[in-house]
Structures are given as structure tokens and as C-alpha cells.
C-alpha atoms as a PDB file:
ATOM      1  CA  MET A   1      -7.693  43.698  32.489  1.00  0.00           C
ATOM      2  CA  SER A   2     -10.227  41.121  31.287  1.00  0.00           C
ATOM      3  CA  LYS A   3      -8.082  40.410  28.189  1.00  0.00           C
ATOM      4  CA  VAL A   4      -5.091  39.592  30.417  1.00  0.00           C
ATOM      5  CA  LYS A   5      -7.288  37.406  32.615  1.00  0.00           C
ATOM      6  CA  ASN A   6      -8.655  35.525  29.588  1.00  0.00           C
ATOM      7  CA  LEU A   7      -5.113  35.094  28.248  1.00  0.00           C
ATOM      8  CA  ASN A   8      -3.998  33.649  31.605  1.00  0.00           C
ATOM      9  CA  ASP A   9      -6.959  31.251  31.577  1.00  0.00           C
ATOM     10  CA  ILE A  10      -6.051  30.119  28.066  1.00  0.00           C
ATOM     11  CA  ASN A  11      -2.387  29.644  29.059  1.00  0.00           C
ATOM     12  CA  VAL A  12      -3.371  27.540  32.075  1.00  0.00           C
ATOM     13  CA  LYS A  13      -5.565  25.329  29.885  1.00  0.00           C
ATOM     14  CA  ILE A  14      -2.851  24.924  27.229  1.00  0.00           C
ATOM     15  CA  VAL A  15      -0.148  24.019  29.755  1.00  0.00           C
ATOM     16  CA  LYS A  16      -2.512  21.587  31.485  1.00  0.00           C
ATOM     17  CA  LYS A  17      -3.341  19.900  28.151  1.00  0.00           C
ATOM     18  CA  VAL A  18       0.366  19.564  27.294  1.00  0.00           C
ATOM     19  CA  ILE A  19       1.078  18.005  30.699  1.00  0.00           C
ATOM     20  CA  GLN A  20      -1.867  15.634  30.254  1.00  0.00           C
ATOM     21  CA  VAL A  21      -0.593  14.535  26.830  1.00  0.00           C
ATOM     22  CA  PHE A  22       2.844  13.740  28.288  1.00  0.00           C
ATOM     23  CA  TYR A  23       1.143  12.056  31.249  1.00  0.00           C
ATOM     24  CA  PHE A  24      -0.824   9.638  29.068  1.00  0.00           C
ATOM     25  CA  ILE A  25       2.096   9.001  26.708  1.00  0.00           C
ATOM     26  CA  LEU A  26       4.293   8.124  29.690  1.00  0.00           C
ATOM     27  CA  ILE A  27       1.622   5.868  31.190  1.00  0.00           C
ATOM     28  CA  GLY A  28       1.548   3.995  27.877  1.00  0.00           C
ATOM     29  CA  GLY A  29       5.346   3.842  27.797  1.00  0.00           C
ATOM     30  CA  GLY A  30       5.530   2.602  31.391  1.00  0.00           C
ATOM     31  CA  ILE A  31       2.978  -0.126  30.677  1.00  0.00           C
ATOM     32  CA  LEU A  32       4.884  -1.087  27.524  1.00  0.00           C
ATOM     33  CA  PHE A  33       8.188  -1.408  29.388  1.00  0.00           C
ATOM     34  CA  PHE A  34       6.518  -3.425  32.154  1.00  0.00           C
ATOM     35  CA  LEU A  35       4.961  -5.777  29.580  1.00  0.00           C
ATOM     36  CA  LEU A  36       8.367  -6.128  27.889  1.00  0.00           C
ATOM     37  CA  PHE A  37       9.823  -7.023  31.293  1.00  0.00           C
ATOM     38  CA  ILE A  38       7.159  -9.712  31.800  1.00  0.00           C
ATOM     39  CA  ALA A  39       7.664 -11.030  28.257  1.00  0.00           C
ATOM     40  CA  THR A  40      11.444 -11.166  28.717  1.00  0.00           C
ATOM     41  CA  LEU A  41      10.972 -13.297  31.832  1.00  0.00           C
ATOM     42  CA  PHE A  42       9.348 -16.006  29.716  1.00  0.00           C
ATOM     43  CA  ILE A  43      11.713 -15.873  26.731  1.00  0.00           C
ATOM     44  CA  PRO A  44      14.319 -18.678  26.904  1.00  0.00           C
ATOM     45  CA  LYS A  45      17.851 -17.481  27.605  1.00  0.00           C
ATOM     46  CA  ASP A  46      19.268 -19.036  24.438  1.00  0.00           C
ATOM     47  CA  VAL A  47      16.899 -16.962  22.256  1.00  0.00           C
ATOM     48  CA  LEU A  48      18.416 -13.778  23.705  1.00  0.00           C
ATOM     49  CA  THR A  49      22.026 -14.894  23.290  1.00  0.00           C
ATOM     50  CA  LEU A  50      24.346 -13.269  20.756  1.00  0.00           C
ATOM     51  CA  SER A  51      27.224 -15.245  19.354  1.00  0.00           C
ATOM     52  CA  GLY A  52      29.628 -15.531  16.462  1.00  0.00           C
ATOM     53  CA  ASP A  53      30.279 -12.642  14.108  1.00  0.00           C
ATOM     54  CA  ILE A  54      27.821 -10.224  15.773  1.00  0.00           C
ATOM     55  CA  ILE A  55      29.810  -9.747  19.012  1.00  0.00           C
ATOM     56  CA  PRO A  56      32.808  -7.763  17.616  1.00  0.00           C
ATOM     57  CA  HIS A  57      30.420  -5.155  16.201  1.00  0.00           C
ATOM     58  CA  ILE A  58      28.628  -4.405  19.503  1.00  0.00           C
ATOM     59  CA  LYS A  59      29.256  -0.917  20.833  1.00  0.00           C
ATOM     60  CA  PHE A  60      27.655   0.780  23.822  1.00  0.00           C
ATOM     61  CA  GLU A  61      27.864   4.216  25.358  1.00  0.00           C
ATOM     62  CA  ILE A  62      27.485   5.162  29.013  1.00  0.00           C
ATOM     63  CA  GLY A  63      26.249   8.640  29.836  1.00  0.00           C
ATOM     64  CA  ASN A  64      27.711  10.242  26.683  1.00  0.00           C
ATOM     65  CA  MET A  65      31.092  10.013  28.398  1.00  0.00           C
ATOM     66  CA  PHE A  66      32.265   6.479  27.812  1.00  0.00           C
ATOM     67  CA  THR A  67      32.032   4.474  24.607  1.00  0.00           C
ATOM     68  CA  TYR A  68      33.001   0.841  24.547  1.00  0.00           C
ATOM     69  CA  GLN A  69      33.304  -1.423  21.538  1.00  0.00           C
ATOM     70  CA  ILE A  70      33.876  -5.131  21.918  1.00  0.00           C
ATOM     71  CA  ARG A  71      36.946  -6.098  19.950  1.00  0.00           C
ATOM     72  CA  ASP A  72      39.593  -7.989  21.828  1.00  0.00           C
ATOM     73  CA  LEU A  73      37.496  -9.749  24.447  1.00  0.00           C
ATOM     74  CA  GLU A  74      37.423 -13.486  24.166  1.00  0.00           C
ATOM     75  CA  ILE A  75      33.700 -14.049  24.424  1.00  0.00           C
ATOM     76  CA  ASP A  76      31.893 -16.799  22.590  1.00  0.00           C
ATOM     77  CA  SER A  77      28.397 -15.573  23.426  1.00  0.00           C
ATOM     78  CA  ILE A  78      26.568 -12.860  25.338  1.00  0.00           C
ATOM     79  CA  SER A  79      23.220 -13.378  27.035  1.00  0.00           C
ATOM     80  CA  LEU A  80      21.036 -10.287  26.719  1.00  0.00           C
ATOM     81  CA  LYS A  81      18.278 -11.563  29.011  1.00  0.00           C
ATOM     82  CA  GLY A  82      19.651 -10.081  32.241  1.00  0.00           C
ATOM     83  CA  ILE A  83      20.464  -6.800  30.522  1.00  0.00           C
ATOM     84  CA  LEU A  84      16.985  -6.542  28.962  1.00  0.00           C
ATOM     85  CA  LEU A  85      15.267  -7.404  32.246  1.00  0.00           C
ATOM     86  CA  THR A  86      17.237  -4.709  34.045  1.00  0.00           C
ATOM     87  CA  ILE A  87      16.653  -2.070  31.354  1.00  0.00           C
ATOM     88  CA  THR A  88      12.908  -2.700  31.044  1.00  0.00           C
ATOM     89  CA  ILE A  89      12.124  -2.689  34.776  1.00  0.00           C
ATOM     90  CA  SER A  90      14.404   0.335  35.344  1.00  0.00           C
ATOM     91  CA  ALA A  91      12.648   2.247  32.568  1.00  0.00           C
ATOM     92  CA  ALA A  92       9.226   1.331  33.976  1.00  0.00           C
ATOM     93  CA  ILE A  93      10.224   2.554  37.455  1.00  0.00           C
ATOM     94  CA  CYS A  94      11.706   5.841  36.166  1.00  0.00           C
ATOM     95  CA  ILE A  95       8.640   6.483  34.014  1.00  0.00           C
ATOM     96  CA  GLY A  96       6.445   5.699  37.025  1.00  0.00           C
ATOM     97  CA  LEU A  97       8.190   8.407  39.054  1.00  0.00           C
ATOM     98  CA  VAL A  98       7.664  10.977  36.284  1.00  0.00           C
ATOM     99  CA  VAL A  99       3.991   9.948  35.965  1.00  0.00           C
ATOM    100  CA  LEU A 100       3.472  10.500  39.694  1.00  0.00           C
ATOM    101  CA  ILE A 101       5.011  13.990  39.438  1.00  0.00           C
ATOM    102  CA  LEU A 102       2.881  14.867  36.404  1.00  0.00           C
ATOM    103  CA  HIS A 103      -0.244  13.616  38.213  1.00  0.00           C
ATOM    104  CA  GLN A 104       0.426  16.070  41.054  1.00  0.00           C
ATOM    105  CA  LEU A 105       0.974  18.880  38.525  1.00  0.00           C
ATOM    106  CA  ILE A 106      -2.329  18.103  36.792  1.00  0.00           C
ATOM    107  CA  LYS A 107      -4.137  18.329  40.134  1.00  0.00           C
ATOM    108  CA  ILE A 108      -2.497  21.716  40.785  1.00  0.00           C
ATOM    109  CA  PHE A 109      -3.569  22.954  37.339  1.00  0.00           C
ATOM    110  CA  ASP A 110      -7.120  21.757  38.070  1.00  0.00           C
ATOM    111  CA  THR A 111      -7.248  24.231  40.953  1.00  0.00           C
ATOM    112  CA  LEU A 112      -5.784  26.982  38.762  1.00  0.00           C
ATOM    113  CA  GLU A 113      -8.526  26.379  36.177  1.00  0.00           C
ATOM    114  CA  VAL A 114     -11.257  26.955  38.754  1.00  0.00           C
ATOM    115  CA  LYS A 115      -9.364  30.009  40.058  1.00  0.00           C
ATOM    116  CA  ASN A 116      -8.585  28.476  43.422  1.00  0.00           C
ATOM    117  CA  PRO A 117      -4.758  28.365  43.511  1.00  0.00           C
ATOM    118  CA  PHE A 118      -4.700  28.596  47.295  1.00  0.00           C
ATOM    119  CA  ASP A 119      -6.432  25.254  47.734  1.00  0.00           C
ATOM    120  CA  GLU A 120      -5.103  23.671  50.926  1.00  0.00           C
ATOM    121  CA  LYS A 121      -4.248  20.462  49.050  1.00  0.00           C
ATOM    122  CA  ASN A 122      -1.851  22.284  46.709  1.00  0.00           C
ATOM    123  CA  SER A 123       0.827  22.667  49.379  1.00  0.00           C
ATOM    124  CA  THR A 124       0.636  18.892  49.952  1.00  0.00           C
ATOM    125  CA  ARG A 125       0.847  18.302  46.193  1.00  0.00           C
ATOM    126  CA  ILE A 126       3.915  20.540  45.953  1.00  0.00           C
ATOM    127  CA  LEU A 127       5.424  18.681  48.930  1.00  0.00           C
ATOM    128  CA  ASN A 128       4.728  15.363  47.144  1.00  0.00           C
ATOM    129  CA  ILE A 129       6.519  16.622  44.028  1.00  0.00           C
ATOM    130  CA  GLY A 130       9.523  17.620  46.149  1.00  0.00           C
ATOM    131  CA  GLY A 131       9.559  14.219  47.839  1.00  0.00           C
ATOM    132  CA  LEU A 132       9.365  12.432  44.482  1.00  0.00           C
ATOM    133  CA  LEU A 133      12.274  14.518  43.168  1.00  0.00           C
ATOM    134  CA  ILE A 134      14.347  13.620  46.235  1.00  0.00           C
ATOM    135  CA  ILE A 135      13.496   9.918  45.818  1.00  0.00           C
ATOM    136  CA  SER A 136      14.345  10.171  42.104  1.00  0.00           C
ATOM    137  CA  SER A 137      17.774  11.623  42.924  1.00  0.00           C
ATOM    138  CA  PHE A 138      18.684   8.253  44.462  1.00  0.00           C
ATOM    139  CA  VAL A 139      16.580   5.835  42.389  1.00  0.00           C
ATOM    140  CA  VAL A 140      17.429   7.038  38.856  1.00  0.00           C
ATOM    141  CA  ASN A 141      21.203   6.846  39.306  1.00  0.00           C
ATOM    142  CA  GLY A 142      20.864   3.597  41.241  1.00  0.00           C
ATOM    143  CA  LEU A 143      18.936   2.003  38.391  1.00  0.00           C
ATOM    144  CA  MET A 144      21.428   3.328  35.826  1.00  0.00           C
ATOM    145  CA  SER A 145      24.269   1.836  37.865  1.00  0.00           C
ATOM    146  CA  LEU A 146      22.410  -1.472  37.951  1.00  0.00           C
ATOM    147  CA  VAL A 147      22.002  -1.457  34.150  1.00  0.00           C
ATOM    148  CA  TYR A 148      25.711  -0.680  33.672  1.00  0.00           C
ATOM    149  CA  TYR A 149      26.637  -3.407  36.151  1.00  0.00           C
ATOM    150  CA  MET A 150      24.589  -5.957  34.221  1.00  0.00           C
ATOM    151  CA  MET A 151      26.271  -4.937  30.956  1.00  0.00           C
ATOM    152  CA  ILE A 152      29.750  -5.172  32.445  1.00  0.00           C
ATOM    153  CA  LYS A 153      28.929  -8.501  34.085  1.00  0.00           C
ATOM    154  CA  GLU A 154      27.553 -10.030  30.883  1.00  0.00           C
ATOM    155  CA  LEU A 155      30.530  -8.769  28.870  1.00  0.00           C
ATOM    156  CA  ASN A 156      32.914 -10.067  31.541  1.00  0.00           C
ATOM    157  CA  ILE A 157      34.875  -6.801  31.641  1.00  0.00           C
ATOM    158  CA  ASN A 158      37.141  -6.811  34.681  1.00  0.00           C
ATOM    159  CA  PHE A 159      38.807  -3.404  34.380  1.00  0.00           C
ATOM    160  CA  ILE A 160      35.707  -1.182  34.801  1.00  0.00           C
ATOM    161  CA  ASP A 161      34.231  -0.242  38.174  1.00  0.00           C
ATOM    162  CA  ILE A 162      30.869   1.381  38.775  1.00  0.00           C
ATOM    163  CA  ASP A 163      30.473   3.985  41.483  1.00  0.00           C
ATOM    164  CA  PHE A 164      27.009   4.993  42.666  1.00  0.00           C
ATOM    165  CA  SER A 165      26.365   8.673  43.241  1.00  0.00           C
ATOM    166  CA  ILE A 166      23.170  10.574  43.785  1.00  0.00           C
ATOM    167  CA  ASN A 167      21.835  13.052  41.230  1.00  0.00           C
ATOM    168  CA  VAL A 168      22.680  16.297  43.003  1.00  0.00           C
ATOM    169  CA  GLY A 169      20.545  18.404  40.639  1.00  0.00           C
ATOM    170  CA  LEU A 170      17.413  16.378  41.389  1.00  0.00           C
ATOM    171  CA  LEU A 171      18.220  16.329  45.114  1.00  0.00           C
ATOM    172  CA  PHE A 172      18.571  20.111  45.386  1.00  0.00           C
ATOM    173  CA  SER A 173      15.532  20.655  43.167  1.00  0.00           C
ATOM    174  CA  GLY A 174      13.528  18.398  45.475  1.00  0.00           C
ATOM    175  CA  ILE A 175      14.735  20.232  48.574  1.00  0.00           C
ATOM    176  CA  LEU A 176      13.838  23.599  47.023  1.00  0.00           C
ATOM    177  CA  VAL A 177      10.367  22.342  46.086  1.00  0.00           C
ATOM    178  CA  VAL A 178       9.847  21.041  49.653  1.00  0.00           C
ATOM    179  CA  ILE A 179      10.822  24.483  50.996  1.00  0.00           C
ATOM    180  CA  LEU A 180       8.493  26.100  48.440  1.00  0.00           C
ATOM    181  CA  SER A 181       5.645  23.884  49.680  1.00  0.00           C
ATOM    182  CA  SER A 182       6.134  25.227  53.227  1.00  0.00           C
ATOM    183  CA  ILE A 183       6.059  28.806  51.948  1.00  0.00           C
ATOM    184  CA  PHE A 184       2.960  28.030  49.872  1.00  0.00           C
ATOM    185  CA  LYS A 185       1.274  26.435  52.879  1.00  0.00           C
ATOM    186  CA  TYR A 186       1.873  29.597  54.900  1.00  0.00           C
ATOM    187  CA  GLY A 187       0.598  31.724  51.987  1.00  0.00           C
ATOM    188  CA  THR A 188      -2.551  29.596  51.855  1.00  0.00           C
ATOM    189  CA  PHE A 189      -3.041  30.131  55.599  1.00  0.00           C
ATOM    190  CA  LEU A 190      -2.697  33.912  55.170  1.00  0.00           C
ATOM    191  CA  GLN A 191      -5.102  33.911  52.209  1.00  0.00           C
ATOM    192  CA  ASN A 192      -7.699  31.952  54.216  1.00  0.00           C
ATOM    193  CA  GLU A 193      -7.308  34.351  57.149  1.00  0.00           C
ATOM    194  CA  TYR A 194      -7.797  37.311  54.807  1.00  0.00           C
ATOM    195  CA  ASP A 195     -10.873  35.687  53.197  1.00  0.00           C
ATOM    196  CA  GLN A 196     -12.430  35.075  56.644  1.00  0.00           C
ATOM    197  CA  THR A 197     -11.970  38.692  57.700  1.00  0.00           C
ATOM    198  CA  LEU A 198     -13.935  39.829  54.636  1.00  0.00           C
END
């Protein structure tokens, strides 16, 4: 029994360390993208403009479903400033959402390490994760649509439309996590009642 308990303790510590590594890497990435956004604001538009022989060789892919290569468009130059601004701030926001989720997970693993999984704050943390997943289901696809819109606008492509749709997987995951938080809150209440009767 004690071997299993020690193994569980080790697993909790390993998983927590892995989450913390991703957490700090993503914080660094988010800061990097935000700094790139700030830097792009101050770079003159003509520095970020492609022209001449480079344009026919540009190819971009949207969601692994659509590949577009510029060939027959009559474009003398393309300004990348708007596209880069949109990509960098979108990446920083998406990374920020993941960092917030990982922060809540780290706090939950803190309580697991001290063998107090039924901490009253854990149900709130689980609820926060569910709320962040629900928010992400709208924000992530909205930001992707914005990036695609900027690309299409800069390339002056008239025959492509962008439709916004929510990420159904993230939405349902968020709803399930919110429901799980209610169940966990009730479980915490029952555990506290049991502890008080002893």
C-alpha cells in the first residue's frame, strides 16, 4: 500500500513539473510575441513590404485544408505589417489563455502534493478552467478568422469569404469541465461533512 502511495506522490510531482515547464515556456513565448507586436508597430511600413520577384513564390495554407499560391494576381507589392501585427497579438492572446489554464492546473496540483485534493478552492479552479475553455472556443477561432481576413485583404483576393464559427470541441469541453466543477464542489462538501463527524 505504501509503495502505491509513494508512486502516486511521485507521479503527481512529475506531472506538476511537466506542467510548470510548459507554463514557463509559454509565458516566455507570450512575452516574445507581445514584444514582436510592439516592435512591429514601430517598424516603417515600407520595410515590411514585399515586391518584385518574391511575390509569385508566396504560398500560404489555412487550417491544413486550403493552400493558396500567388501566381496570377496583379500585385506590385504586399505590406506584411498588418498581417504581422495581427499574427503576433493573436498568438500572444491565445498563449495567454493557455497560461491561465495551466496556472489553475498548477494550483490544483499544489493541493494534490499536500494531500488535500478536496480543498474548497479546487472547485473554483476547475470552474475557472471550464470558463477559460468556453472563452477560448470563441476567441481562438475569432483570432484565426482575423488573421485570415488580414491576409486576404493584403493580397486583394476577392473570391474568398471567411466565415466565423466557434470551436465546438473547446465549447463542449468547457461545459463538461464546468459541470465537473459542480460535482467536485458537492464532493468537497460531503468530504468536509464526513471530516466534521469524525
